Every structure is written in C-alpha cells, then in structure tokens.
Amino acid sequence: TTEAEIHALDRALVVISVDPGIGEPIPGGATGPQLRQYTDEVESV
C-alpha cells in the first residue's frame, strides 16, 4: 500500500536479478530447486 514498501521490494529484486546467487541457501530437502533468502539490510526486507 505504500511507496516505501514498493521501493524496498524493488530494491531487493534489482539486487537479486543482477546476481541470483547472492542470497544464502536455506537448508531443506534435496528435491527441487534450492530455496534461497536475501536480506536487504538497508530496506529491512
């Protein structure tokens, strides 16, 4: 609902789209693609 939320998500998506491997792997099952997490400390997302 807010411009700040849109900006925060957009910033994180740009970083990930430039370098998809930037996030940390999340431990889990071996089947399927590896789930990853990226935390943008500046935008708290």
ModelCIF file with pLDDT and N, C-alpha, C, O atoms, coordinates in Angstrom:
data_MODEL
#
_entry.id   MODEL 
#
_entity.id                         1 
_entity.type                       polymer 
_entity.pdbx_number_of_molecules   1 
#
_entity_poly.entity_id                      1 
_entity_poly.type                           'polypeptide(L)' 
_entity_poly.nstd_linkage                   no 
_entity_poly.nstd_monomer                   no 
_entity_poly.pdbx_seq_one_letter_code       TTEAEIHALDRALVVISVDPGIGEPIPGGATGPQLRQYTDEVESV 
_entity_poly.pdbx_seq_one_letter_code_can   TTEAEIHALDRALVVISVDPGIGEPIPGGATGPQLRQYTDEVESV 
_entity_poly.pdbx_strand_id                 A 
#
loop_
_entity_poly_seq.entity_id 
_entity_poly_seq.num 
_entity_poly_seq.mon_id 
_entity_poly_seq.hetero 
1 1  THR n 
1 2  THR n 
1 3  GLU n 
1 4  ALA n 
1 5  GLU n 
1 6  ILE n 
1 7  HIS n 
1 8  ALA n 
1 9  LEU n 
1 10 ASP n 
1 11 ARG n 
1 12 ALA n 
1 13 LEU n 
1 14 VAL n 
1 15 VAL n 
1 16 ILE n 
1 17 SER n 
1 18 VAL n 
1 19 ASP n 
1 20 PRO n 
1 21 GLY n 
1 22 ILE n 
1 23 GLY n 
1 24 GLU n 
1 25 PRO n 
1 26 ILE n 
1 27 PRO n 
1 28 GLY n 
1 29 GLY n 
1 30 ALA n 
1 31 THR n 
1 32 GLY n 
1 33 PRO n 
1 34 GLN n 
1 35 LEU n 
1 36 ARG n 
1 37 GLN n 
1 38 TYR n 
1 39 THR n 
1 40 ASP n 
1 41 GLU n 
1 42 VAL n 
1 43 GLU n 
1 44 SER n 
1 45 VAL n 
#
_struct_asym.id          A 
_struct_asym.entity_id   1 
#
loop_
_ma_qa_metric.id 
_ma_qa_metric.mode 
_ma_qa_metric.name 
_ma_qa_metric.software_group_id 
_ma_qa_metric.type 
1 global pLDDT . pLDDT 
2 local  pLDDT . pLDDT 
#
_ma_qa_metric_global.metric_id      1 
_ma_qa_metric_global.metric_value   87.38 
_ma_qa_metric_global.model_id       1 
_ma_qa_metric_global.ordinal_id     1 
#
loop_
_ma_qa_metric_local.label_asym_id 
_ma_qa_metric_local.label_comp_id 
_ma_qa_metric_local.label_seq_id 
_ma_qa_metric_local.metric_id 
_ma_qa_metric_local.metric_value 
_ma_qa_metric_local.model_id 
_ma_qa_metric_local.ordinal_id 
A THR 1  2 83.00 1 1  
A THR 2  2 88.00 1 2  
A GLU 3  2 90.00 1 3  
A ALA 4  2 88.00 1 4  
A GLU 5  2 87.00 1 5  
A ILE 6  2 88.00 1 6  
A HIS 7  2 90.00 1 7  
A ALA 8  2 89.00 1 8  
A LEU 9  2 90.00 1 9  
A ASP 10 2 91.00 1 10 
A ARG 11 2 92.00 1 11 
A ALA 12 2 93.00 1 12 
A LEU 13 2 93.00 1 13 
A VAL 14 2 93.00 1 14 
A VAL 15 2 93.00 1 15 
A ILE 16 2 93.00 1 16 
A SER 17 2 94.00 1 17 
A VAL 18 2 92.00 1 18 
A ASP 19 2 93.00 1 19 
A PRO 20 2 92.00 1 20 
A GLY 21 2 90.00 1 21 
A ILE 22 2 92.00 1 22 
A GLY 23 2 89.00 1 23 
A GLU 24 2 92.00 1 24 
A PRO 25 2 92.00 1 25 
A ILE 26 2 89.00 1 26 
A PRO 27 2 85.00 1 27 
A GLY 28 2 76.00 1 28 
A GLY 29 2 65.00 1 29 
A ALA 30 2 63.00 1 30 
A THR 31 2 72.00 1 31 
A GLY 32 2 70.00 1 32 
A PRO 33 2 77.00 1 33 
A GLN 34 2 86.00 1 34 
A LEU 35 2 91.00 1 35 
A ARG 36 2 93.00 1 36 
A GLN 37 2 94.00 1 37 
A TYR 38 2 95.00 1 38 
A THR 39 2 92.00 1 39 
A ASP 40 2 89.00 1 40 
A GLU 41 2 86.00 1 41 
A VAL 42 2 86.00 1 42 
A GLU 43 2 82.00 1 43 
A SER 44 2 85.00 1 44 
A VAL 45 2 89.00 1 45 
#
loop_
_atom_site.group_PDB 
_atom_site.id 
_atom_site.type_symbol 
_atom_site.label_atom_id 
_atom_site.label_alt_id 
_atom_site.label_comp_id 
_atom_site.label_asym_id 
_atom_site.label_entity_id 
_atom_site.label_seq_id 
_atom_site.pdbx_PDB_ins_code 
_atom_site.Cartn_x 
_atom_site.Cartn_y 
_atom_site.Cartn_z 
_atom_site.occupancy 
_atom_site.B_iso_or_equiv 
_atom_site.pdbx_formal_charge 
_atom_site.auth_seq_id 
_atom_site.auth_comp_id 
_atom_site.auth_asym_id 
_atom_site.auth_atom_id 
_atom_site.pdbx_PDB_model_num 
ATOM 1   N N  . THR A 1 1  ? 0.796  -1.227  0.000   1.00 83.00 ? 1  THR A N  1 
ATOM 2   C CA . THR A 1 1  ? 0.000  0.000   0.000   1.00 83.00 ? 1  THR A CA 1 
ATOM 3   C C  . THR A 1 1  ? 0.829  1.278   0.000   1.00 83.00 ? 1  THR A C  1 
ATOM 4   O O  . THR A 1 1  ? 0.304  2.338   -0.340  1.00 83.00 ? 1  THR A O  1 
ATOM 5   N N  . THR A 1 2  ? 2.096  1.215   0.367   1.00 88.00 ? 2  THR A N  1 
ATOM 6   C CA . THR A 1 2  ? 2.871  2.454   0.453   1.00 88.00 ? 2  THR A CA 1 
ATOM 7   C C  . THR A 1 2  ? 4.007  2.484   -0.563  1.00 88.00 ? 2  THR A C  1 
ATOM 8   O O  . THR A 1 2  ? 4.502  1.447   -1.005  1.00 88.00 ? 2  THR A O  1 
ATOM 9   N N  . GLU A 1 3  ? 4.394  3.675   -0.912  1.00 90.00 ? 3  GLU A N  1 
ATOM 10  C CA . GLU A 1 3  ? 5.514  3.883   -1.831  1.00 90.00 ? 3  GLU A CA 1 
ATOM 11  C C  . GLU A 1 3  ? 6.809  3.323   -1.241  1.00 90.00 ? 3  GLU A C  1 
ATOM 12  O O  . GLU A 1 3  ? 7.652  2.800   -1.969  1.00 90.00 ? 3  GLU A O  1 
ATOM 13  N N  . ALA A 1 4  ? 6.962  3.435   0.072   1.00 88.00 ? 4  ALA A N  1 
ATOM 14  C CA . ALA A 1 4  ? 8.166  2.924   0.741   1.00 88.00 ? 4  ALA A CA 1 
ATOM 15  C C  . ALA A 1 4  ? 8.265  1.406   0.608   1.00 88.00 ? 4  ALA A C  1 
ATOM 16  O O  . ALA A 1 4  ? 9.354  0.876   0.393   1.00 88.00 ? 4  ALA A O  1 
ATOM 17  N N  . GLU A 1 5  ? 7.138  0.703   0.735   1.00 87.00 ? 5  GLU A N  1 
ATOM 18  C CA . GLU A 1 5  ? 7.143  -0.756  0.589   1.00 87.00 ? 5  GLU A CA 1 
ATOM 19  C C  . GLU A 1 5  ? 7.486  -1.158  -0.844  1.00 87.00 ? 5  GLU A C  1 
ATOM 20  O O  . GLU A 1 5  ? 8.236  -2.109  -1.062  1.00 87.00 ? 5  GLU A O  1 
ATOM 21  N N  . ILE A 1 6  ? 6.942  -0.441  -1.807  1.00 88.00 ? 6  ILE A N  1 
ATOM 22  C CA . ILE A 1 6  ? 7.244  -0.714  -3.215  1.00 88.00 ? 6  ILE A CA 1 
ATOM 23  C C  . ILE A 1 6  ? 8.730  -0.505  -3.477  1.00 88.00 ? 6  ILE A C  1 
ATOM 24  O O  . ILE A 1 6  ? 9.368  -1.330  -4.130  1.00 88.00 ? 6  ILE A O  1 
ATOM 25  N N  . HIS A 1 7  ? 9.278  0.584   -2.976  1.00 90.00 ? 7  HIS A N  1 
ATOM 26  C CA . HIS A 1 7  ? 10.701 0.883   -3.161  1.00 90.00 ? 7  HIS A CA 1 
ATOM 27  C C  . HIS A 1 7  ? 11.569 -0.205  -2.523  1.00 90.00 ? 7  HIS A C  1 
ATOM 28  O O  . HIS A 1 7  ? 12.545 -0.655  -3.122  1.00 90.00 ? 7  HIS A O  1 
ATOM 29  N N  . ALA A 1 8  ? 11.211 -0.621  -1.314  1.00 89.00 ? 8  ALA A N  1 
ATOM 30  C CA . ALA A 1 8  ? 12.004 -1.627  -0.606  1.00 89.00 ? 8  ALA A CA 1 
ATOM 31  C C  . ALA A 1 8  ? 12.039 -2.944  -1.374  1.00 89.00 ? 8  ALA A C  1 
ATOM 32  O O  . ALA A 1 8  ? 13.104 -3.537  -1.545  1.00 89.00 ? 8  ALA A O  1 
ATOM 33  N N  . LEU A 1 9  ? 10.874 -3.402  -1.837  1.00 90.00 ? 9  LEU A N  1 
ATOM 34  C CA . LEU A 1 9  ? 10.833 -4.652  -2.594  1.00 90.00 ? 9  LEU A CA 1 
ATOM 35  C C  . LEU A 1 9  ? 11.562 -4.503  -3.923  1.00 90.00 ? 9  LEU A C  1 
ATOM 36  O O  . LEU A 1 9  ? 12.303 -5.398  -4.329  1.00 90.00 ? 9  LEU A O  1 
ATOM 37  N N  . ASP A 1 10 ? 11.358 -3.388  -4.595  1.00 91.00 ? 10 ASP A N  1 
ATOM 38  C CA . ASP A 1 10 ? 12.010 -3.157  -5.889  1.00 91.00 ? 10 ASP A CA 1 
ATOM 39  C C  . ASP A 1 10 ? 13.528 -3.189  -5.748  1.00 91.00 ? 10 ASP A C  1 
ATOM 40  O O  . ASP A 1 10 ? 14.215 -3.793  -6.572  1.00 91.00 ? 10 ASP A O  1 
ATOM 41  N N  . ARG A 1 11 ? 14.044 -2.558  -4.731  1.00 92.00 ? 11 ARG A N  1 
ATOM 42  C CA . ARG A 1 11 ? 15.496 -2.530  -4.500  1.00 92.00 ? 11 ARG A CA 1 
ATOM 43  C C  . ARG A 1 11 ? 16.041 -3.950  -4.331  1.00 92.00 ? 11 ARG A C  1 
ATOM 44  O O  . ARG A 1 11 ? 17.068 -4.299  -4.912  1.00 92.00 ? 11 ARG A O  1 
ATOM 45  N N  . ALA A 1 12 ? 15.348 -4.766  -3.533  1.00 93.00 ? 12 ALA A N  1 
ATOM 46  C CA . ALA A 1 12 ? 15.793 -6.146  -3.306  1.00 93.00 ? 12 ALA A CA 1 
ATOM 47  C C  . ALA A 1 12 ? 15.723 -6.957  -4.597  1.00 93.00 ? 12 ALA A C  1 
ATOM 48  O O  . ALA A 1 12 ? 16.624 -7.747  -4.879  1.00 93.00 ? 12 ALA A O  1 
ATOM 49  N N  . LEU A 1 13 ? 14.662 -6.768  -5.383  1.00 93.00 ? 13 LEU A N  1 
ATOM 50  C CA . LEU A 1 13 ? 14.518 -7.531  -6.627  1.00 93.00 ? 13 LEU A CA 1 
ATOM 51  C C  . LEU A 1 13 ? 15.580 -7.160  -7.657  1.00 93.00 ? 13 LEU A C  1 
ATOM 52  O O  . LEU A 1 13 ? 16.031 -8.019  -8.413  1.00 93.00 ? 13 LEU A O  1 
ATOM 53  N N  . VAL A 1 14 ? 15.982 -5.901  -7.695  1.00 93.00 ? 14 VAL A N  1 
ATOM 54  C CA . VAL A 1 14 ? 17.050 -5.489  -8.610  1.00 93.00 ? 14 VAL A CA 1 
ATOM 55  C C  . VAL A 1 14 ? 18.353 -6.193  -8.234  1.00 93.00 ? 14 VAL A C  1 
ATOM 56  O O  . VAL A 1 14 ? 19.054 -6.715  -9.101  1.00 93.00 ? 14 VAL A O  1 
ATOM 57  N N  . VAL A 1 15 ? 18.672 -6.203  -6.954  1.00 93.00 ? 15 VAL A N  1 
ATOM 58  C CA . VAL A 1 15 ? 19.907 -6.855  -6.499  1.00 93.00 ? 15 VAL A CA 1 
ATOM 59  C C  . VAL A 1 15 ? 19.893 -8.337  -6.873  1.00 93.00 ? 15 VAL A C  1 
ATOM 60  O O  . VAL A 1 15 ? 20.882 -8.861  -7.385  1.00 93.00 ? 15 VAL A O  1 
ATOM 61  N N  . ILE A 1 16 ? 18.773 -9.008  -6.616  1.00 93.00 ? 16 ILE A N  1 
ATOM 62  C CA . ILE A 1 16 ? 18.678 -10.435 -6.905  1.00 93.00 ? 16 ILE A CA 1 
ATOM 63  C C  . ILE A 1 16 ? 18.710 -10.699 -8.408  1.00 93.00 ? 16 ILE A C  1 
ATOM 64  O O  . ILE A 1 16 ? 19.312 -11.679 -8.845  1.00 93.00 ? 16 ILE A O  1 
ATOM 65  N N  . SER A 1 17 ? 18.072 -9.841  -9.204  1.00 94.00 ? 17 SER A N  1 
ATOM 66  C CA . SER A 1 17 ? 18.055 -10.079 -10.653 1.00 94.00 ? 17 SER A CA 1 
ATOM 67  C C  . SER A 1 17 ? 19.437 -9.911  -11.272 1.00 94.00 ? 17 SER A C  1 
ATOM 68  O O  . SER A 1 17 ? 19.752 -10.555 -12.273 1.00 94.00 ? 17 SER A O  1 
ATOM 69  N N  . VAL A 1 18 ? 20.261 -9.051  -10.685 1.00 92.00 ? 18 VAL A N  1 
ATOM 70  C CA . VAL A 1 18 ? 21.621 -8.858  -11.186 1.00 92.00 ? 18 VAL A CA 1 
ATOM 71  C C  . VAL A 1 18 ? 22.508 -10.037 -10.788 1.00 92.00 ? 18 VAL A C  1 
ATOM 72  O O  . VAL A 1 18 ? 23.348 -10.480 -11.572 1.00 92.00 ? 18 VAL A O  1 
ATOM 73  N N  . ASP A 1 19 ? 22.320 -10.543 -9.570  1.00 93.00 ? 19 ASP A N  1 
ATOM 74  C CA . ASP A 1 19 ? 23.133 -11.652 -9.067  1.00 93.00 ? 19 ASP A CA 1 
ATOM 75  C C  . ASP A 1 19 ? 22.249 -12.645 -8.314  1.00 93.00 ? 19 ASP A C  1 
ATOM 76  O O  . ASP A 1 19 ? 22.154 -12.568 -7.089  1.00 93.00 ? 19 ASP A O  1 
ATOM 77  N N  . PRO A 1 20 ? 21.602 -13.571 -9.015  1.00 92.00 ? 20 PRO A N  1 
ATOM 78  C CA . PRO A 1 20 ? 20.687 -14.505 -8.362  1.00 92.00 ? 20 PRO A CA 1 
ATOM 79  C C  . PRO A 1 20 ? 21.328 -15.374 -7.277  1.00 92.00 ? 20 PRO A C  1 
ATOM 80  O O  . PRO A 1 20 ? 20.625 -15.909 -6.420  1.00 92.00 ? 20 PRO A O  1 
ATOM 81  N N  . GLY A 1 21 ? 22.632 -15.515 -7.307  1.00 90.00 ? 21 GLY A N  1 
ATOM 82  C CA . GLY A 1 21 ? 23.305 -16.331 -6.302  1.00 90.00 ? 21 GLY A CA 1 
ATOM 83  C C  . GLY A 1 21 ? 23.660 -15.582 -5.042  1.00 90.00 ? 21 GLY A C  1 
ATOM 84  O O  . GLY A 1 21 ? 24.311 -16.140 -4.158  1.00 90.00 ? 21 GLY A O  1 
ATOM 85  N N  . ILE A 1 22 ? 23.249 -14.325 -4.934  1.00 92.00 ? 22 ILE A N  1 
ATOM 86  C CA . ILE A 1 22 ? 23.652 -13.504 -3.801  1.00 92.00 ? 22 ILE A CA 1 
ATOM 87  C C  . ILE A 1 22 ? 23.048 -13.974 -2.480  1.00 92.00 ? 22 ILE A C  1 
ATOM 88  O O  . ILE A 1 22 ? 23.671 -13.815 -1.430  1.00 92.00 ? 22 ILE A O  1 
ATOM 89  N N  . GLY A 1 23 ? 21.872 -14.536 -2.514  1.00 89.00 ? 23 GLY A N  1 
ATOM 90  C CA . GLY A 1 23 ? 21.205 -14.957 -1.284  1.00 89.00 ? 23 GLY A CA 1 
ATOM 91  C C  . GLY A 1 23 ? 21.846 -16.181 -0.675  1.00 89.00 ? 23 GLY A C  1 
ATOM 92  O O  . GLY A 1 23 ? 22.624 -16.888 -1.315  1.00 89.00 ? 23 GLY A O  1 
ATOM 93  N N  . GLU A 1 24 ? 21.501 -16.413 0.575   1.00 92.00 ? 24 GLU A N  1 
ATOM 94  C CA . GLU A 1 24 ? 22.014 -17.582 1.288   1.00 92.00 ? 24 GLU A CA 1 
ATOM 95  C C  . GLU A 1 24 ? 21.060 -18.762 1.082   1.00 92.00 ? 24 GLU A C  1 
ATOM 96  O O  . GLU A 1 24 ? 19.842 -18.586 1.103   1.00 92.00 ? 24 GLU A O  1 
ATOM 97  N N  . PRO A 1 25 ? 21.611 -19.960 0.882   1.00 92.00 ? 25 PRO A N  1 
ATOM 98  C CA . PRO A 1 25 ? 20.752 -21.139 0.762   1.00 92.00 ? 25 PRO A CA 1 
ATOM 99  C C  . PRO A 1 25 ? 20.023 -21.404 2.080   1.00 92.00 ? 25 PRO A C  1 
ATOM 100 O O  . PRO A 1 25 ? 20.593 -21.237 3.159   1.00 92.00 ? 25 PRO A O  1 
ATOM 101 N N  . ILE A 1 26 ? 18.774 -21.814 1.983   1.00 89.00 ? 26 ILE A N  1 
ATOM 102 C CA . ILE A 1 26 ? 18.006 -22.209 3.157   1.00 89.00 ? 26 ILE A CA 1 
ATOM 103 C C  . ILE A 1 26 ? 18.068 -23.727 3.230   1.00 89.00 ? 26 ILE A C  1 
ATOM 104 O O  . ILE A 1 26 ? 17.704 -24.408 2.272   1.00 89.00 ? 26 ILE A O  1 
ATOM 105 N N  . PRO A 1 27 ? 18.527 -24.265 4.359   1.00 85.00 ? 27 PRO A N  1 
ATOM 106 C CA . PRO A 1 27 ? 18.609 -25.725 4.477   1.00 85.00 ? 27 PRO A CA 1 
ATOM 107 C C  . PRO A 1 27 ? 17.242 -26.364 4.279   1.00 85.00 ? 27 PRO A C  1 
ATOM 108 O O  . PRO A 1 27 ? 16.227 -25.846 4.743   1.00 85.00 ? 27 PRO A O  1 
ATOM 109 N N  . GLY A 1 28 ? 17.231 -27.479 3.596   1.00 76.00 ? 28 GLY A N  1 
ATOM 110 C CA . GLY A 1 28 ? 15.964 -28.173 3.362   1.00 76.00 ? 28 GLY A CA 1 
ATOM 111 C C  . GLY A 1 28 ? 16.187 -29.443 2.593   1.00 76.00 ? 28 GLY A C  1 
ATOM 112 O O  . GLY A 1 28 ? 17.303 -29.958 2.523   1.00 76.00 ? 28 GLY A O  1 
ATOM 113 N N  . GLY A 1 29 ? 15.117 -29.947 2.016   1.00 65.00 ? 29 GLY A N  1 
ATOM 114 C CA . GLY A 1 29 ? 15.176 -31.189 1.259   1.00 65.00 ? 29 GLY A CA 1 
ATOM 115 C C  . GLY A 1 29 ? 16.004 -31.040 -0.012  1.00 65.00 ? 29 GLY A C  1 
ATOM 116 O O  . GLY A 1 29 ? 16.218 -29.934 -0.508  1.00 65.00 ? 29 GLY A O  1 
ATOM 117 N N  . ALA A 1 30 ? 16.457 -32.160 -0.519  1.00 63.00 ? 30 ALA A N  1 
ATOM 118 C CA . ALA A 1 30 ? 17.308 -32.166 -1.709  1.00 63.00 ? 30 ALA A CA 1 
ATOM 119 C C  . ALA A 1 30 ? 16.505 -32.165 -3.008  1.00 63.00 ? 30 ALA A C  1 
ATOM 120 O O  . ALA A 1 30 ? 17.074 -31.982 -4.084  1.00 63.00 ? 30 ALA A O  1 
ATOM 121 N N  . THR A 1 31 ? 15.187 -32.369 -2.920  1.00 72.00 ? 31 THR A N  1 
ATOM 122 C CA . THR A 1 31 ? 14.383 -32.407 -4.138  1.00 72.00 ? 31 THR A CA 1 
ATOM 123 C C  . THR A 1 31 ? 13.963 -30.993 -4.528  1.00 72.00 ? 31 THR A C  1 
ATOM 124 O O  . THR A 1 31 ? 13.661 -30.160 -3.672  1.00 72.00 ? 31 THR A O  1 
ATOM 125 N N  . GLY A 1 32 ? 13.949 -30.746 -5.804  1.00 70.00 ? 32 GLY A N  1 
ATOM 126 C CA . GLY A 1 32 ? 13.538 -29.433 -6.298  1.00 70.00 ? 32 GLY A CA 1 
ATOM 127 C C  . GLY A 1 32 ? 14.662 -28.415 -6.207  1.00 70.00 ? 32 GLY A C  1 
ATOM 128 O O  . GLY A 1 32 ? 15.758 -28.720 -5.738  1.00 70.00 ? 32 GLY A O  1 
ATOM 129 N N  . PRO A 1 33 ? 14.377 -27.206 -6.659  1.00 77.00 ? 33 PRO A N  1 
ATOM 130 C CA . PRO A 1 33 ? 15.401 -26.161 -6.645  1.00 77.00 ? 33 PRO A CA 1 
ATOM 131 C C  . PRO A 1 33 ? 15.722 -25.708 -5.221  1.00 77.00 ? 33 PRO A C  1 
ATOM 132 O O  . PRO A 1 33 ? 14.899 -25.831 -4.314  1.00 77.00 ? 33 PRO A O  1 
ATOM 133 N N  . GLN A 1 34 ? 16.917 -25.191 -5.046  1.00 86.00 ? 34 GLN A N  1 
ATOM 134 C CA . GLN A 1 34 ? 17.393 -24.727 -3.746  1.00 86.00 ? 34 GLN A CA 1 
ATOM 135 C C  . GLN A 1 34 ? 16.727 -23.404 -3.379  1.00 86.00 ? 34 GLN A C  1 
ATOM 136 O O  . GLN A 1 34 ? 16.877 -22.412 -4.092  1.00 86.00 ? 34 GLN A O  1 
ATOM 137 N N  . LEU A 1 35 ? 15.996 -23.387 -2.273  1.00 91.00 ? 35 LEU A N  1 
ATOM 138 C CA . LEU A 1 35 ? 15.388 -22.156 -1.785  1.00 91.00 ? 35 LEU A CA 1 
ATOM 139 C C  . LEU A 1 35 ? 16.474 -21.276 -1.179  1.00 91.00 ? 35 LEU A C  1 
ATOM 140 O O  . LEU A 1 35 ? 17.335 -21.758 -0.442  1.00 91.00 ? 35 LEU A O  1 
ATOM 141 N N  . ARG A 1 36 ? 16.428 -19.994 -1.492  1.00 93.00 ? 36 ARG A N  1 
ATOM 142 C CA . ARG A 1 36 ? 17.437 -19.042 -1.029  1.00 93.00 ? 36 ARG A CA 1 
ATOM 143 C C  . ARG A 1 36 ? 16.739 -17.879 -0.333  1.00 93.00 ? 36 ARG A C  1 
ATOM 144 O O  . ARG A 1 36 ? 15.545 -17.653 -0.530  1.00 93.00 ? 36 ARG A O  1 
ATOM 145 N N  . GLN A 1 37 ? 17.489 -17.145 0.479   1.00 94.00 ? 37 GLN A N  1 
ATOM 146 C CA . GLN A 1 37 ? 16.960 -15.944 1.100   1.00 94.00 ? 37 GLN A CA 1 
ATOM 147 C C  . GLN A 1 37 ? 17.952 -14.800 0.923   1.00 94.00 ? 37 GLN A C  1 
ATOM 148 O O  . GLN A 1 37 ? 19.161 -14.977 1.070   1.00 94.00 ? 37 GLN A O  1 
ATOM 149 N N  . TYR A 1 38 ? 17.425 -13.640 0.608   1.00 95.00 ? 38 TYR A N  1 
ATOM 150 C CA . TYR A 1 38 ? 18.253 -12.443 0.503   1.00 95.00 ? 38 TYR A CA 1 
ATOM 151 C C  . TYR A 1 38 ? 17.657 -11.408 1.446   1.00 95.00 ? 38 TYR A C  1 
ATOM 152 O O  . TYR A 1 38 ? 16.457 -11.138 1.400   1.00 95.00 ? 38 TYR A O  1 
ATOM 153 N N  . THR A 1 39 ? 18.491 -10.830 2.299   1.00 92.00 ? 39 THR A N  1 
ATOM 154 C CA . THR A 1 39 ? 18.036 -9.790  3.209   1.00 92.00 ? 39 THR A CA 1 
ATOM 155 C C  . THR A 1 39 ? 18.712 -8.490  2.842   1.00 92.00 ? 39 THR A C  1 
ATOM 156 O O  . THR A 1 39 ? 19.939 -8.392  2.822   1.00 92.00 ? 39 THR A O  1 
ATOM 157 N N  . ASP A 1 40 ? 17.893 -7.489  2.551   1.00 89.00 ? 40 ASP A N  1 
ATOM 158 C CA . ASP A 1 40 ? 18.396 -6.147  2.282   1.00 89.00 ? 40 ASP A CA 1 
ATOM 159 C C  . ASP A 1 40 ? 18.372 -5.392  3.605   1.00 89.00 ? 40 ASP A C  1 
ATOM 160 O O  . ASP A 1 40 ? 17.312 -4.989  4.084   1.00 89.00 ? 40 ASP A O  1 
ATOM 161 N N  . GLU A 1 41 ? 19.542 -5.207  4.183   1.00 86.00 ? 41 GLU A N  1 
ATOM 162 C CA . GLU A 1 41 ? 19.655 -4.573  5.493   1.00 86.00 ? 41 GLU A CA 1 
ATOM 163 C C  . GLU A 1 41 ? 19.208 -3.112  5.465   1.00 86.00 ? 41 GLU A C  1 
ATOM 164 O O  . GLU A 1 41 ? 18.674 -2.615  6.456   1.00 86.00 ? 41 GLU A O  1 
ATOM 165 N N  . VAL A 1 42 ? 19.419 -2.421  4.350   1.00 86.00 ? 42 VAL A N  1 
ATOM 166 C CA . VAL A 1 42 ? 19.057 -1.009  4.249   1.00 86.00 ? 42 VAL A CA 1 
ATOM 167 C C  . VAL A 1 42 ? 17.542 -0.844  4.282   1.00 86.00 ? 42 VAL A C  1 
ATOM 168 O O  . VAL A 1 42 ? 17.022 0.018   4.989   1.00 86.00 ? 42 VAL A O  1 
ATOM 169 N N  . GLU A 1 43 ? 16.841 -1.668  3.518   1.00 82.00 ? 43 GLU A N  1 
ATOM 170 C CA . GLU A 1 43 ? 15.386 -1.540  3.400   1.00 82.00 ? 43 GLU A CA 1 
ATOM 171 C C  . GLU A 1 43 ? 14.622 -2.448  4.362   1.00 82.00 ? 43 GLU A C  1 
ATOM 172 O O  . GLU A 1 43 ? 13.394 -2.388  4.429   1.00 82.00 ? 43 GLU A O  1 
ATOM 173 N N  . SER A 1 44 ? 15.337 -3.284  5.102   1.00 85.00 ? 44 SER A N  1 
ATOM 174 C CA . SER A 1 44 ? 14.708 -4.205  6.056   1.00 85.00 ? 44 SER A CA 1 
ATOM 175 C C  . SER A 1 44 ? 13.689 -5.124  5.383   1.00 85.00 ? 44 SER A C  1 
ATOM 176 O O  . SER A 1 44 ? 12.557 -5.262  5.848   1.00 85.00 ? 44 SER A O  1 
ATOM 177 N N  . VAL A 1 45 ? 14.103 -5.742  4.295   1.00 89.00 ? 45 VAL A N  1 
ATOM 178 C CA . VAL A 1 45 ? 13.252 -6.665  3.549   1.00 89.00 ? 45 VAL A CA 1 
ATOM 179 C C  . VAL A 1 45 ? 14.012 -7.976  3.356   1.00 89.00 ? 45 VAL A C  1 
ATOM 180 O O  . VAL A 1 45 ? 13.487 -8.910  2.750   1.00 89.00 ? 45 VAL A O  1 
#
